[in-house]
Amino acid sequence: MSTSVDALVTTVKSQSRVRRVVTNQQFVLFVVLIALILFFASRNSLFFRVGEFSNLFTDFSGLVLIALAETYVIVAGGIDLAVGSTAAVSGVVAAGWIQPLVNHGVNQAVILLVGTLACAVVGALAGGLSALLITAFDLVPFVATLVTYSVGAGLALVISHGAPVGYNPGAIYWSASGIGMITWLVAIVLVVAVVLGVVLHLTVYGRYNFAIGSNEFAARAAGIAVRRHLISVYVLAGVLAGLTGMFFYIRSGSGAATTGVTNSANLVAIAAVVIGGASLTGGVGRWAGTMLGAAVLTVVSDGLIFINVPPTWIQVVVGALIAVAALLQSFRRRSRRVP
């Protein structure tokens, strides 16, 4: 009798472990990512070329920074609709500031460093505006960041007059240099992404982020300076969005008001976070999930174009992926309630 009970308990535990693995969003995303790569490769064998994978890594890197910015904000219980326009205005401002350096033949490393600092400062100011509206004027994050989005998009157009700002062929050349499929630009972004993951999951700052997103009142009662932390989160998101603007400046050699705006970068970033398993109610999110979500969206976007599917279908597929991710989260919550 005891042996039978032990066997039954072992079976139940085994089934429970299998269920947890199968319903783990990161595991599912990894399987989906591999399946997508194999699918597009089967439709066009050129998809497996080193050059195409290099393009995938580059496009992935262009999404990762603002997706991780959204991860920090969403985990803290907020949302940031301004990351796209912040990238645009940061890139435009930086391009204008550093063009005289380009014209005078200043060393490219100095030019890119100055541009990066300029983008970070502009991004911090944009994030600070959102934080001020939220913490000082008690606007909900959706409205506050929508204001920042509008201001940023408008300023980018005003400053650029609707045309590309500056031209730096040296930046374009540098953006294509590297080792194999990984360019130096992509390598730097990936290093920053790893640091952000470590901070989110392995530091006190990250734990505060999850605590505030889970229950702001309890976090305040526990002695966490909630307002100060939220300010830092939105400023961080702004800085990352600003660095994304510099990323696109380096790739194209100029700043453009359309960067991050016409392609709805803010919505794509939020999609990557949601697909990665984060909850829009706050307190739930994983660095690995966001990275995989961004990878899936990148492969889908590039793959559909690669097999000659009209780009207009990309948004449809992204919407379907979000719906599937939401359903998977719902199924996982129900499965946890099953003994």
C-alpha atoms as a PDB file:
ATOM      1  CA  MET A   1       0.000   0.000   0.000  1.00  0.00           C
ATOM      2  CA  SER A   2       2.802   2.382   0.956  1.00  0.00           C
ATOM      3  CA  THR A   3       4.639   1.595  -2.285  1.00  0.00           C
ATOM      4  CA  SER A   4       1.540   2.395  -4.335  1.00  0.00           C
ATOM      5  CA  VAL A   5       1.045   5.703  -2.542  1.00  0.00           C
ATOM      6  CA  ASP A   6       4.706   6.631  -3.045  1.00  0.00           C
ATOM      7  CA  ALA A   7       4.455   5.759  -6.737  1.00  0.00           C
ATOM      8  CA  LEU A   8       1.297   7.892  -7.066  1.00  0.00           C
ATOM      9  CA  VAL A   9       2.972  10.843  -5.341  1.00  0.00           C
ATOM     10  CA  THR A  10       6.019  10.496  -7.599  1.00  0.00           C
ATOM     11  CA  THR A  11       3.779  10.430 -10.694  1.00  0.00           C
ATOM     12  CA  VAL A  12       1.862  13.508  -9.587  1.00  0.00           C
ATOM     13  CA  LYS A  13       5.102  15.393  -8.876  1.00  0.00           C
ATOM     14  CA  SER A  14       6.497  14.353 -12.250  1.00  0.00           C
ATOM     15  CA  GLN A  15       3.372  15.540 -14.038  1.00  0.00           C
ATOM     16  CA  SER A  16       3.520  18.795 -12.111  1.00  0.00           C
ATOM     17  CA  ARG A  17       7.130  19.371 -13.191  1.00  0.00           C
ATOM     18  CA  VAL A  18       6.242  18.625 -16.814  1.00  0.00           C
ATOM     19  CA  ARG A  19       3.310  21.033 -16.615  1.00  0.00           C
ATOM     20  CA  ARG A  20       5.545  23.770 -15.201  1.00  0.00           C
ATOM     21  CA  VAL A  21       8.080  23.293 -17.996  1.00  0.00           C
ATOM     22  CA  VAL A  22       5.476  23.204 -20.751  1.00  0.00           C
ATOM     23  CA  THR A  23       3.687  26.292 -19.441  1.00  0.00           C
ATOM     24  CA  ASN A  24       6.910  28.199 -18.740  1.00  0.00           C
ATOM     25  CA  GLN A  25       6.710  31.195 -21.054  1.00  0.00           C
ATOM     26  CA  GLN A  26      10.461  31.424 -21.592  1.00  0.00           C
ATOM     27  CA  PHE A  27      10.653  27.758 -22.573  1.00  0.00           C
ATOM     28  CA  VAL A  28       7.723  28.141 -24.969  1.00  0.00           C
ATOM     29  CA  LEU A  29       9.274  31.268 -26.484  1.00  0.00           C
ATOM     30  CA  PHE A  30      12.580  29.493 -27.032  1.00  0.00           C
ATOM     31  CA  VAL A  31      10.800  26.651 -28.842  1.00  0.00           C
ATOM     32  CA  VAL A  32       8.805  29.156 -30.907  1.00  0.00           C
ATOM     33  CA  LEU A  33      11.993  31.050 -31.788  1.00  0.00           C
ATOM     34  CA  ILE A  34      13.728  27.897 -33.056  1.00  0.00           C
ATOM     35  CA  ALA A  35      10.590  26.874 -34.961  1.00  0.00           C
ATOM     36  CA  LEU A  36      10.371  30.300 -36.624  1.00  0.00           C
ATOM     37  CA  ILE A  37      14.017  30.210 -37.706  1.00  0.00           C
ATOM     38  CA  LEU A  38      13.569  26.724 -39.178  1.00  0.00           C
ATOM     39  CA  PHE A  39      10.338  27.766 -40.897  1.00  0.00           C
ATOM     40  CA  PHE A  40      11.827  30.819 -42.607  1.00  0.00           C
ATOM     41  CA  ALA A  41      14.954  28.839 -43.520  1.00  0.00           C
ATOM     42  CA  SER A  42      12.766  26.154 -45.130  1.00  0.00           C
ATOM     43  CA  ARG A  43      11.006  28.820 -47.189  1.00  0.00           C
ATOM     44  CA  ASN A  44      14.264  30.462 -48.227  1.00  0.00           C
ATOM     45  CA  SER A  45      17.608  28.792 -47.602  1.00  0.00           C
ATOM     46  CA  LEU A  46      19.362  32.174 -47.773  1.00  0.00           C
ATOM     47  CA  PHE A  47      17.864  32.941 -44.362  1.00  0.00           C
ATOM     48  CA  PHE A  48      20.685  30.886 -42.819  1.00  0.00           C
ATOM     49  CA  ARG A  49      23.378  33.092 -44.346  1.00  0.00           C
ATOM     50  CA  VAL A  50      25.881  34.712 -42.008  1.00  0.00           C
ATOM     51  CA  GLY A  51      24.931  38.113 -43.428  1.00  0.00           C
ATOM     52  CA  GLU A  52      21.246  37.597 -42.634  1.00  0.00           C
ATOM     53  CA  PHE A  53      21.977  36.501 -39.085  1.00  0.00           C
ATOM     54  CA  SER A  54      24.171  39.568 -38.692  1.00  0.00           C
ATOM     55  CA  ASN A  55      21.205  41.704 -39.775  1.00  0.00           C
ATOM     56  CA  LEU A  56      18.986  39.852 -37.298  1.00  0.00           C
ATOM     57  CA  PHE A  57      21.407  40.558 -34.439  1.00  0.00           C
ATOM     58  CA  THR A  58      21.546  44.228 -35.414  1.00  0.00           C
ATOM     59  CA  ASP A  59      17.765  44.623 -35.657  1.00  0.00           C
ATOM     60  CA  PHE A  60      17.407  42.703 -32.385  1.00  0.00           C
ATOM     61  CA  SER A  61      19.829  45.089 -30.681  1.00  0.00           C
ATOM     62  CA  GLY A  62      17.843  48.074 -31.917  1.00  0.00           C
ATOM     63  CA  LEU A  63      14.818  46.743 -30.033  1.00  0.00           C
ATOM     64  CA  VAL A  64      16.472  45.340 -26.913  1.00  0.00           C
ATOM     65  CA  LEU A  65      17.336  48.594 -25.131  1.00  0.00           C
ATOM     66  CA  ILE A  66      13.844  50.096 -25.252  1.00  0.00           C
ATOM     67  CA  ALA A  67      12.296  46.691 -24.526  1.00  0.00           C
ATOM     68  CA  LEU A  68      14.384  46.423 -21.361  1.00  0.00           C
ATOM     69  CA  ALA A  69      13.450  50.025 -20.526  1.00  0.00           C
ATOM     70  CA  GLU A  70       9.801  48.974 -20.725  1.00  0.00           C
ATOM     71  CA  THR A  71      10.560  45.905 -18.616  1.00  0.00           C
ATOM     72  CA  TYR A  72      11.803  48.025 -15.720  1.00  0.00           C
ATOM     73  CA  VAL A  73       8.823  50.362 -15.988  1.00  0.00           C
ATOM     74  CA  ILE A  74       6.196  47.630 -16.386  1.00  0.00           C
ATOM     75  CA  VAL A  75       7.612  45.522 -13.546  1.00  0.00           C
ATOM     76  CA  ALA A  76       7.324  48.641 -11.354  1.00  0.00           C
ATOM     77  CA  GLY A  77       3.629  48.868 -12.227  1.00  0.00           C
ATOM     78  CA  GLY A  78       3.840  51.625 -14.849  1.00  0.00           C
ATOM     79  CA  ILE A  79       4.105  51.994 -18.601  1.00  0.00           C
ATOM     80  CA  ASP A  80       6.146  54.248 -20.871  1.00  0.00           C
ATOM     81  CA  LEU A  81       4.681  55.311 -24.201  1.00  0.00           C
ATOM     82  CA  ALA A  82       7.462  57.844 -24.796  1.00  0.00           C
ATOM     83  CA  VAL A  83      10.461  55.622 -25.538  1.00  0.00           C
ATOM     84  CA  GLY A  84       9.997  55.880 -29.315  1.00  0.00           C
ATOM     85  CA  SER A  85       9.828  59.666 -29.491  1.00  0.00           C
ATOM     86  CA  THR A  86      12.609  59.947 -26.906  1.00  0.00           C
ATOM     87  CA  ALA A  87      14.855  57.936 -29.216  1.00  0.00           C
ATOM     88  CA  ALA A  88      13.907  60.261 -32.079  1.00  0.00           C
ATOM     89  CA  VAL A  89      14.518  63.568 -30.318  1.00  0.00           C
ATOM     90  CA  SER A  90      17.720  62.277 -28.696  1.00  0.00           C
ATOM     91  CA  GLY A  91      19.144  61.181 -32.036  1.00  0.00           C
ATOM     92  CA  VAL A  92      18.216  64.471 -33.704  1.00  0.00           C
ATOM     93  CA  VAL A  93      19.678  66.627 -30.929  1.00  0.00           C
ATOM     94  CA  ALA A  94      22.883  64.580 -30.736  1.00  0.00           C
ATOM     95  CA  ALA A  95      23.299  64.643 -34.522  1.00  0.00           C
ATOM     96  CA  GLY A  96      23.081  68.435 -34.495  1.00  0.00           C
ATOM     97  CA  TRP A  97      25.547  68.780 -31.638  1.00  0.00           C
ATOM     98  CA  ILE A  98      28.219  66.490 -33.045  1.00  0.00           C
ATOM     99  CA  GLN A  99      28.028  67.451 -36.727  1.00  0.00           C
ATOM    100  CA  PRO A 100      30.586  70.290 -36.251  1.00  0.00           C
ATOM    101  CA  LEU A 101      32.951  67.669 -34.809  1.00  0.00           C
ATOM    102  CA  VAL A 102      32.386  65.513 -37.893  1.00  0.00           C
ATOM    103  CA  ASN A 103      33.022  68.498 -40.184  1.00  0.00           C
ATOM    104  CA  HIS A 104      36.312  69.262 -38.440  1.00  0.00           C
ATOM    105  CA  GLY A 105      37.564  65.687 -38.724  1.00  0.00           C
ATOM    106  CA  VAL A 106      37.598  64.919 -35.009  1.00  0.00           C
ATOM    107  CA  ASN A 107      38.449  61.335 -34.073  1.00  0.00           C
ATOM    108  CA  GLN A 108      35.410  59.078 -34.607  1.00  0.00           C
ATOM    109  CA  ALA A 109      35.660  57.566 -31.108  1.00  0.00           C
ATOM    110  CA  VAL A 110      35.388  61.045 -29.565  1.00  0.00           C
ATOM    111  CA  ILE A 111      32.459  61.908 -31.833  1.00  0.00           C
ATOM    112  CA  LEU A 112      30.529  58.777 -30.910  1.00  0.00           C
ATOM    113  CA  LEU A 113      31.283  59.220 -27.206  1.00  0.00           C
ATOM    114  CA  VAL A 114      30.027  62.822 -27.245  1.00  0.00           C
ATOM    115  CA  GLY A 115      26.946  61.756 -29.183  1.00  0.00           C
ATOM    116  CA  THR A 116      26.248  58.934 -26.726  1.00  0.00           C
ATOM    117  CA  LEU A 117      26.492  61.300 -23.758  1.00  0.00           C
ATOM    118  CA  ALA A 118      24.236  63.810 -25.513  1.00  0.00           C
ATOM    119  CA  CYS A 119      21.612  61.142 -26.211  1.00  0.00           C
ATOM    120  CA  ALA A 120      21.784  59.916 -22.609  1.00  0.00           C
ATOM    121  CA  VAL A 121      21.274  63.455 -21.269  1.00  0.00           C
ATOM    122  CA  VAL A 122      18.309  64.185 -23.557  1.00  0.00           C
ATOM    123  CA  GLY A 123      16.823  60.794 -22.721  1.00  0.00           C
ATOM    124  CA  ALA A 124      17.235  61.451 -18.993  1.00  0.00           C
ATOM    125  CA  LEU A 125      15.437  64.793 -19.364  1.00  0.00           C
ATOM    126  CA  ALA A 126      12.569  63.103 -21.211  1.00  0.00           C
ATOM    127  CA  GLY A 127      12.328  60.387 -18.562  1.00  0.00           C
ATOM    128  CA  GLY A 128      12.522  63.041 -15.866  1.00  0.00           C
ATOM    129  CA  LEU A 129       9.550  64.857 -17.408  1.00  0.00           C
ATOM    130  CA  SER A 130       7.475  61.685 -17.279  1.00  0.00           C
ATOM    131  CA  ALA A 131       8.573  61.048 -13.699  1.00  0.00           C
ATOM    132  CA  LEU A 132       7.704  64.627 -12.674  1.00  0.00           C
ATOM    133  CA  LEU A 133       4.213  64.362 -14.143  1.00  0.00           C
ATOM    134  CA  ILE A 134       3.649  61.035 -12.371  1.00  0.00           C
ATOM    135  CA  THR A 135       5.150  61.729  -8.947  1.00  0.00           C
ATOM    136  CA  ALA A 136       4.543  65.467  -8.507  1.00  0.00           C
ATOM    137  CA  PHE A 137       1.271  65.926 -10.393  1.00  0.00           C
ATOM    138  CA  ASP A 138      -0.154  62.426  -9.809  1.00  0.00           C
ATOM    139  CA  LEU A 139      -0.899  61.759 -13.468  1.00  0.00           C
ATOM    140  CA  VAL A 140      -1.336  58.109 -14.346  1.00  0.00           C
ATOM    141  CA  PRO A 141       1.703  56.754 -16.249  1.00  0.00           C
ATOM    142  CA  PHE A 142      -0.307  56.267 -19.449  1.00  0.00           C
ATOM    143  CA  VAL A 143      -1.261  59.956 -19.632  1.00  0.00           C
ATOM    144  CA  ALA A 144       2.067  61.280 -18.360  1.00  0.00           C
ATOM    145  CA  THR A 145       4.156  59.334 -20.860  1.00  0.00           C
ATOM    146  CA  LEU A 146       1.694  60.150 -23.642  1.00  0.00           C
ATOM    147  CA  VAL A 147       2.425  63.820 -22.926  1.00  0.00           C
ATOM    148  CA  THR A 148       6.162  63.142 -23.073  1.00  0.00           C
ATOM    149  CA  TYR A 149       5.682  61.174 -26.290  1.00  0.00           C
ATOM    150  CA  SER A 150       3.872  64.087 -27.942  1.00  0.00           C
ATOM    151  CA  VAL A 151       6.439  66.633 -26.753  1.00  0.00           C
ATOM    152  CA  GLY A 152       9.342  64.481 -27.923  1.00  0.00           C
ATOM    153  CA  ALA A 153       7.856  63.718 -31.327  1.00  0.00           C
ATOM    154  CA  GLY A 154       6.998  67.380 -31.843  1.00  0.00           C
ATOM    155  CA  LEU A 155      10.424  68.643 -30.811  1.00  0.00           C
ATOM    156  CA  ALA A 156      12.124  66.115 -33.082  1.00  0.00           C
ATOM    157  CA  LEU A 157      10.164  67.469 -36.041  1.00  0.00           C
ATOM    158  CA  VAL A 158      10.763  71.105 -35.074  1.00  0.00           C
ATOM    159  CA  ILE A 159      14.504  70.649 -34.606  1.00  0.00           C
ATOM    160  CA  SER A 160      15.005  68.569 -37.754  1.00  0.00           C
ATOM    161  CA  HIS A 161      12.481  70.413 -39.939  1.00  0.00           C
ATOM    162  CA  GLY A 162      11.367  66.955 -41.048  1.00  0.00           C
ATOM    163  CA  ALA A 163      14.715  66.160 -42.703  1.00  0.00           C
ATOM    164  CA  PRO A 164      17.722  64.016 -41.652  1.00  0.00           C
ATOM    165  CA  VAL A 165      20.137  65.898 -39.397  1.00  0.00           C
ATOM    166  CA  GLY A 166      23.860  65.672 -40.122  1.00  0.00           C
ATOM    167  CA  TYR A 167      25.765  62.965 -41.941  1.00  0.00           C
ATOM    168  CA  ASN A 168      28.578  60.837 -40.559  1.00  0.00           C
ATOM    169  CA  PRO A 169      29.802  58.108 -42.937  1.00  0.00           C
ATOM    170  CA  GLY A 170      32.437  57.106 -40.384  1.00  0.00           C
ATOM    171  CA  ALA A 171      29.684  56.043 -37.990  1.00  0.00           C
ATOM    172  CA  ILE A 172      28.109  53.854 -40.667  1.00  0.00           C
ATOM    173  CA  TYR A 173      31.455  52.230 -41.390  1.00  0.00           C
ATOM    174  CA  TRP A 174      32.062  51.579 -37.684  1.00  0.00           C
ATOM    175  CA  SER A 175      28.571  50.120 -37.224  1.00  0.00           C
ATOM    176  CA  ALA A 176      29.400  47.412 -39.790  1.00  0.00           C
ATOM    177  CA  SER A 177      32.726  46.416 -38.254  1.00  0.00           C
ATOM    178  CA  GLY A 178      33.139  43.621 -35.754  1.00  0.00           C
ATOM    179  CA  ILE A 179      33.867  39.908 -35.476  1.00  0.00           C
ATOM    180  CA  GLY A 180      31.816  37.556 -37.625  1.00  0.00           C
ATOM    181  CA  MET A 181      28.088  38.026 -37.152  1.00  0.00           C
ATOM    182  CA  ILE A 182      28.540  40.302 -34.135  1.00  0.00           C
ATOM    183  CA  THR A 183      29.427  43.924 -34.809  1.00  0.00           C
ATOM    184  CA  TRP A 184      30.996  46.105 -32.143  1.00  0.00           C
ATOM    185  CA  LEU A 185      27.753  48.059 -31.907  1.00  0.00           C
ATOM    186  CA  VAL A 186      25.747  44.896 -31.230  1.00  0.00           C
ATOM    187  CA  ALA A 187      28.345  43.656 -28.734  1.00  0.00           C
ATOM    188  CA  ILE A 188      28.101  46.878 -26.703  1.00  0.00           C
ATOM    189  CA  VAL A 189      24.299  46.682 -26.651  1.00  0.00           C
ATOM    190  CA  LEU A 190      24.397  43.066 -25.493  1.00  0.00           C
ATOM    191  CA  VAL A 191      26.821  43.913 -22.685  1.00  0.00           C
ATOM    192  CA  VAL A 192      24.501  46.714 -21.525  1.00  0.00           C
ATOM    193  CA  ALA A 193      21.567  44.295 -21.726  1.00  0.00           C
ATOM    194  CA  VAL A 194      23.348  41.733 -19.524  1.00  0.00           C
ATOM    195  CA  VAL A 195      24.147  44.417 -16.933  1.00  0.00           C
ATOM    196  CA  LEU A 196      20.482  45.471 -16.906  1.00  0.00           C
ATOM    197  CA  GLY A 197      19.455  41.856 -16.368  1.00  0.00           C
ATOM    198  CA  VAL A 198      21.832  41.465 -13.442  1.00  0.00           C
ATOM    199  CA  VAL A 199      20.564  44.691 -11.854  1.00  0.00           C
ATOM    200  CA  LEU A 200      16.926  43.680 -12.291  1.00  0.00           C
ATOM    201  CA  HIS A 201      17.216  40.219 -10.764  1.00  0.00           C
ATOM    202  CA  LEU A 202      20.259  40.224  -8.496  1.00  0.00           C
ATOM    203  CA  THR A 203      20.323  43.608  -6.751  1.00  0.00           C
ATOM    204  CA  VAL A 204      18.328  45.428  -4.083  1.00  0.00           C
ATOM    205  CA  TYR A 205      17.281  47.978  -6.711  1.00  0.00           C
ATOM    206  CA  GLY A 206      15.687  45.221  -8.761  1.00  0.00           C
ATOM    207  CA  ARG A 207      13.932  43.740  -5.740  1.00  0.00           C
ATOM    208  CA  TYR A 208      12.499  47.168  -4.929  1.00  0.00           C
ATOM    209  CA  ASN A 209      11.230  47.333  -8.492  1.00  0.00           C
ATOM    210  CA  PHE A 210       9.332  44.074  -8.130  1.00  0.00           C
ATOM    211  CA  ALA A 211       8.059  45.027  -4.667  1.00  0.00           C
ATOM    212  CA  ILE A 212       6.633  48.349  -5.856  1.00  0.00           C
ATOM    213  CA  GLY A 213       4.989  46.741  -8.862  1.00  0.00           C
ATOM    214  CA  SER A 214       3.463  43.985  -6.735  1.00  0.00           C
ATOM    215  CA  ASN A 215       2.068  46.245  -4.024  1.00  0.00           C
ATOM    216  CA  GLU A 216       3.028  49.907  -3.845  1.00  0.00           C
ATOM    217  CA  PHE A 217       1.390  50.444  -0.472  1.00  0.00           C
ATOM    218  CA  ALA A 218       3.159  47.473   1.094  1.00  0.00           C
ATOM    219  CA  ALA A 219       6.467  48.631  -0.416  1.00  0.00           C
ATOM    220  CA  ARG A 220       5.998  52.080   1.101  1.00  0.00           C
ATOM    221  CA  ALA A 221       5.110  50.532   4.453  1.00  0.00           C
ATOM    222  CA  ALA A 222       8.313  48.470   4.240  1.00  0.00           C
ATOM    223  CA  GLY A 223      10.341  51.665   4.067  1.00  0.00           C
ATOM    224  CA  ILE A 224      11.000  51.829   0.310  1.00  0.00           C
ATOM    225  CA  ALA A 225      11.157  55.382  -1.063  1.00  0.00           C
ATOM    226  CA  VAL A 226       8.582  54.668  -3.759  1.00  0.00           C
ATOM    227  CA  ARG A 227       8.489  58.086  -5.437  1.00  0.00           C
ATOM    228  CA  ARG A 228      12.264  58.368  -5.593  1.00  0.00           C
ATOM    229  CA  HIS A 229      12.522  54.858  -7.003  1.00  0.00           C
ATOM    230  CA  LEU A 230       9.879  55.518  -9.658  1.00  0.00           C
ATOM    231  CA  ILE A 231      11.705  58.681 -10.693  1.00  0.00           C
ATOM    232  CA  SER A 232      14.891  56.663 -11.155  1.00  0.00           C
ATOM    233  CA  VAL A 233      13.042  54.008 -13.181  1.00  0.00           C
ATOM    234  CA  TYR A 234      11.565  56.511 -15.643  1.00  0.00           C
ATOM    235  CA  VAL A 235      14.876  58.355 -15.942  1.00  0.00           C
ATOM    236  CA  LEU A 236      16.592  55.027 -16.624  1.00  0.00           C
ATOM    237  CA  ALA A 237      13.981  54.235 -19.285  1.00  0.00           C
ATOM    238  CA  GLY A 238      14.609  57.639 -20.839  1.00  0.00           C
ATOM    239  CA  VAL A 239      18.370  57.097 -20.868  1.00  0.00           C
ATOM    240  CA  LEU A 240      17.959  53.698 -22.558  1.00  0.00           C
ATOM    241  CA  ALA A 241      15.605  55.232 -25.124  1.00  0.00           C
ATOM    242  CA  GLY A 242      18.149  57.982 -25.731  1.00  0.00           C
ATOM    243  CA  LEU A 243      20.882  55.394 -26.270  1.00  0.00           C
ATOM    244  CA  THR A 244      18.567  53.698 -28.764  1.00  0.00           C
ATOM    245  CA  GLY A 245      18.469  56.999 -30.643  1.00  0.00           C
ATOM    246  CA  MET A 246      22.276  56.930 -30.762  1.00  0.00           C
ATOM    247  CA  PHE A 247      22.146  53.327 -31.965  1.00  0.00           C
ATOM    248  CA  PHE A 248      20.068  54.354 -34.975  1.00  0.00           C
ATOM    249  CA  TYR A 249      22.237  57.411 -35.581  1.00  0.00           C
ATOM    250  CA  ILE A 250      25.297  55.170 -35.834  1.00  0.00           C
ATOM    251  CA  ARG A 251      23.513  52.769 -38.197  1.00  0.00           C
ATOM    252  CA  SER A 252      22.266  55.475 -40.564  1.00  0.00           C
ATOM    253  CA  GLY A 253      24.910  58.155 -40.024  1.00  0.00           C
ATOM    254  CA  SER A 254      22.301  60.819 -39.259  1.00  0.00           C
ATOM    255  CA  GLY A 255      19.481  61.700 -36.900  1.00  0.00           C
ATOM    256  CA  ALA A 256      15.866  61.462 -38.033  1.00  0.00           C
ATOM    257  CA  ALA A 257      12.608  62.589 -36.441  1.00  0.00           C
ATOM    258  CA  THR A 258      10.955  59.397 -37.667  1.00  0.00           C
ATOM    259  CA  THR A 259      13.261  57.126 -35.667  1.00  0.00           C
ATOM    260  CA  GLY A 260      11.185  55.143 -33.201  1.00  0.00           C
ATOM    261  CA  VAL A 261       7.977  56.952 -34.181  1.00  0.00           C
ATOM    262  CA  THR A 262       6.881  55.737 -37.612  1.00  0.00           C
ATOM    263  CA  ASN A 263       7.622  52.116 -36.664  1.00  0.00           C
ATOM    264  CA  SER A 264       5.756  52.452 -33.323  1.00  0.00           C
ATOM    265  CA  ALA A 265       8.852  51.410 -31.392  1.00  0.00           C
ATOM    266  CA  ASN A 266       7.119  51.993 -28.072  1.00  0.00           C
ATOM    267  CA  LEU A 267       4.328  49.538 -28.913  1.00  0.00           C
ATOM    268  CA  VAL A 268       6.770  46.949 -30.261  1.00  0.00           C
ATOM    269  CA  ALA A 269       8.831  47.271 -27.073  1.00  0.00           C
ATOM    270  CA  ILE A 270       5.740  46.755 -24.926  1.00  0.00           C
ATOM    271  CA  ALA A 271       4.821  43.768 -27.106  1.00  0.00           C
ATOM    272  CA  ALA A 272       8.259  42.211 -26.497  1.00  0.00           C
ATOM    273  CA  VAL A 273       7.813  42.585 -22.738  1.00  0.00           C
ATOM    274  CA  VAL A 274       4.276  41.148 -22.731  1.00  0.00           C
ATOM    275  CA  ILE A 275       5.227  38.277 -25.030  1.00  0.00           C
ATOM    276  CA  GLY A 276       8.132  37.639 -22.662  1.00  0.00           C
ATOM    277  CA  GLY A 277       5.712  36.955 -19.823  1.00  0.00           C
ATOM    278  CA  ALA A 278       5.500  40.279 -17.956  1.00  0.00           C
ATOM    279  CA  SER A 279       2.213  41.379 -16.447  1.00  0.00           C
ATOM    280  CA  LEU A 280       0.916  44.862 -17.280  1.00  0.00           C
ATOM    281  CA  THR A 281      -0.414  45.056 -13.719  1.00  0.00           C
ATOM    282  CA  GLY A 282       3.180  45.080 -12.431  1.00  0.00           C
ATOM    283  CA  GLY A 283       5.337  42.912 -10.226  1.00  0.00           C
ATOM    284  CA  VAL A 284       5.950  40.191 -12.827  1.00  0.00           C
ATOM    285  CA  GLY A 285       8.595  40.137 -15.529  1.00  0.00           C
ATOM    286  CA  ARG A 286      11.793  38.412 -16.576  1.00  0.00           C
ATOM    287  CA  TRP A 287      14.898  39.678 -18.331  1.00  0.00           C
ATOM    288  CA  ALA A 288      15.161  36.409 -20.266  1.00  0.00           C
ATOM    289  CA  GLY A 289      11.524  36.687 -21.300  1.00  0.00           C
ATOM    290  CA  THR A 290      12.007  40.175 -22.703  1.00  0.00           C
ATOM    291  CA  MET A 291      15.131  39.120 -24.591  1.00  0.00           C
ATOM    292  CA  LEU A 292      13.312  36.133 -26.098  1.00  0.00           C
ATOM    293  CA  GLY A 293      10.251  38.253 -26.874  1.00  0.00           C
ATOM    294  CA  ALA A 294      12.431  40.777 -28.701  1.00  0.00           C
ATOM    295  CA  ALA A 295      14.169  37.940 -30.568  1.00  0.00           C
ATOM    296  CA  VAL A 296      10.850  36.425 -31.674  1.00  0.00           C
ATOM    297  CA  LEU A 297       9.548  39.792 -32.907  1.00  0.00           C
ATOM    298  CA  THR A 298      12.807  40.451 -34.765  1.00  0.00           C
ATOM    299  CA  VAL A 299      12.781  37.058 -36.494  1.00  0.00           C
ATOM    300  CA  VAL A 300       9.111  37.449 -37.418  1.00  0.00           C
ATOM    301  CA  SER A 301       9.581  40.968 -38.808  1.00  0.00           C
ATOM    302  CA  ASP A 302      12.715  40.165 -40.799  1.00  0.00           C
ATOM    303  CA  GLY A 303      11.540  36.694 -41.803  1.00  0.00           C
ATOM    304  CA  LEU A 304       8.226  37.845 -43.258  1.00  0.00           C
ATOM    305  CA  ILE A 305       9.995  40.442 -45.353  1.00  0.00           C
ATOM    306  CA  PHE A 306      12.592  37.850 -46.364  1.00  0.00           C
ATOM    307  CA  ILE A 307       9.917  35.541 -47.796  1.00  0.00           C
ATOM    308  CA  ASN A 308       8.207  38.471 -49.561  1.00  0.00           C
ATOM    309  CA  VAL A 309       5.218  38.841 -47.249  1.00  0.00           C
ATOM    310  CA  PRO A 310       3.947  42.466 -47.316  1.00  0.00           C
ATOM    311  CA  PRO A 311       5.180  44.443 -44.280  1.00  0.00           C
ATOM    312  CA  THR A 312       1.567  45.361 -43.466  1.00  0.00           C
ATOM    313  CA  TRP A 313       1.104  41.801 -42.184  1.00  0.00           C
ATOM    314  CA  ILE A 314       3.793  42.227 -39.534  1.00  0.00           C
ATOM    315  CA  GLN A 315       1.465  44.131 -37.192  1.00  0.00           C
ATOM    316  CA  VAL A 316      -1.162  41.420 -37.604  1.00  0.00           C
ATOM    317  CA  VAL A 317       1.325  38.725 -36.618  1.00  0.00           C
ATOM    318  CA  VAL A 318       2.576  40.805 -33.676  1.00  0.00           C
ATOM    319  CA  GLY A 319      -1.013  41.193 -32.467  1.00  0.00           C
ATOM    320  CA  ALA A 320      -1.536  37.445 -32.714  1.00  0.00           C
ATOM    321  CA  LEU A 321       1.649  36.784 -30.735  1.00  0.00           C
ATOM    322  CA  ILE A 322       0.493  39.138 -27.986  1.00  0.00           C
ATOM    323  CA  ALA A 323      -2.867  37.356 -27.839  1.00  0.00           C
ATOM    324  CA  VAL A 324      -1.162  33.954 -27.580  1.00  0.00           C
ATOM    325  CA  ALA A 325       1.162  35.257 -24.844  1.00  0.00           C
ATOM    326  CA  ALA A 326      -1.807  36.593 -22.864  1.00  0.00           C
ATOM    327  CA  LEU A 327      -3.646  33.286 -23.200  1.00  0.00           C
ATOM    328  CA  LEU A 328      -0.549  31.392 -22.079  1.00  0.00           C
ATOM    329  CA  GLN A 329      -0.287  33.590 -18.991  1.00  0.00           C
ATOM    330  CA  SER A 330      -3.938  32.926 -18.200  1.00  0.00           C
ATOM    331  CA  PHE A 331      -3.455  29.172 -18.639  1.00  0.00           C
ATOM    332  CA  ARG A 332      -0.380  29.231 -16.412  1.00  0.00           C
ATOM    333  CA  ARG A 333      -2.287  31.055 -13.650  1.00  0.00           C
ATOM    334  CA  ARG A 334      -5.093  28.498 -13.821  1.00  0.00           C
ATOM    335  CA  SER A 335      -2.641  25.591 -13.784  1.00  0.00           C
ATOM    336  CA  ARG A 336      -1.071  26.921 -10.585  1.00  0.00           C
ATOM    337  CA  ARG A 337      -4.458  26.721  -8.876  1.00  0.00           C
ATOM    338  CA  VAL A 338      -4.796  23.064  -9.839  1.00  0.00           C
ATOM    339  CA  PRO A 339      -3.444  20.821  -7.035  1.00  0.00           C
END
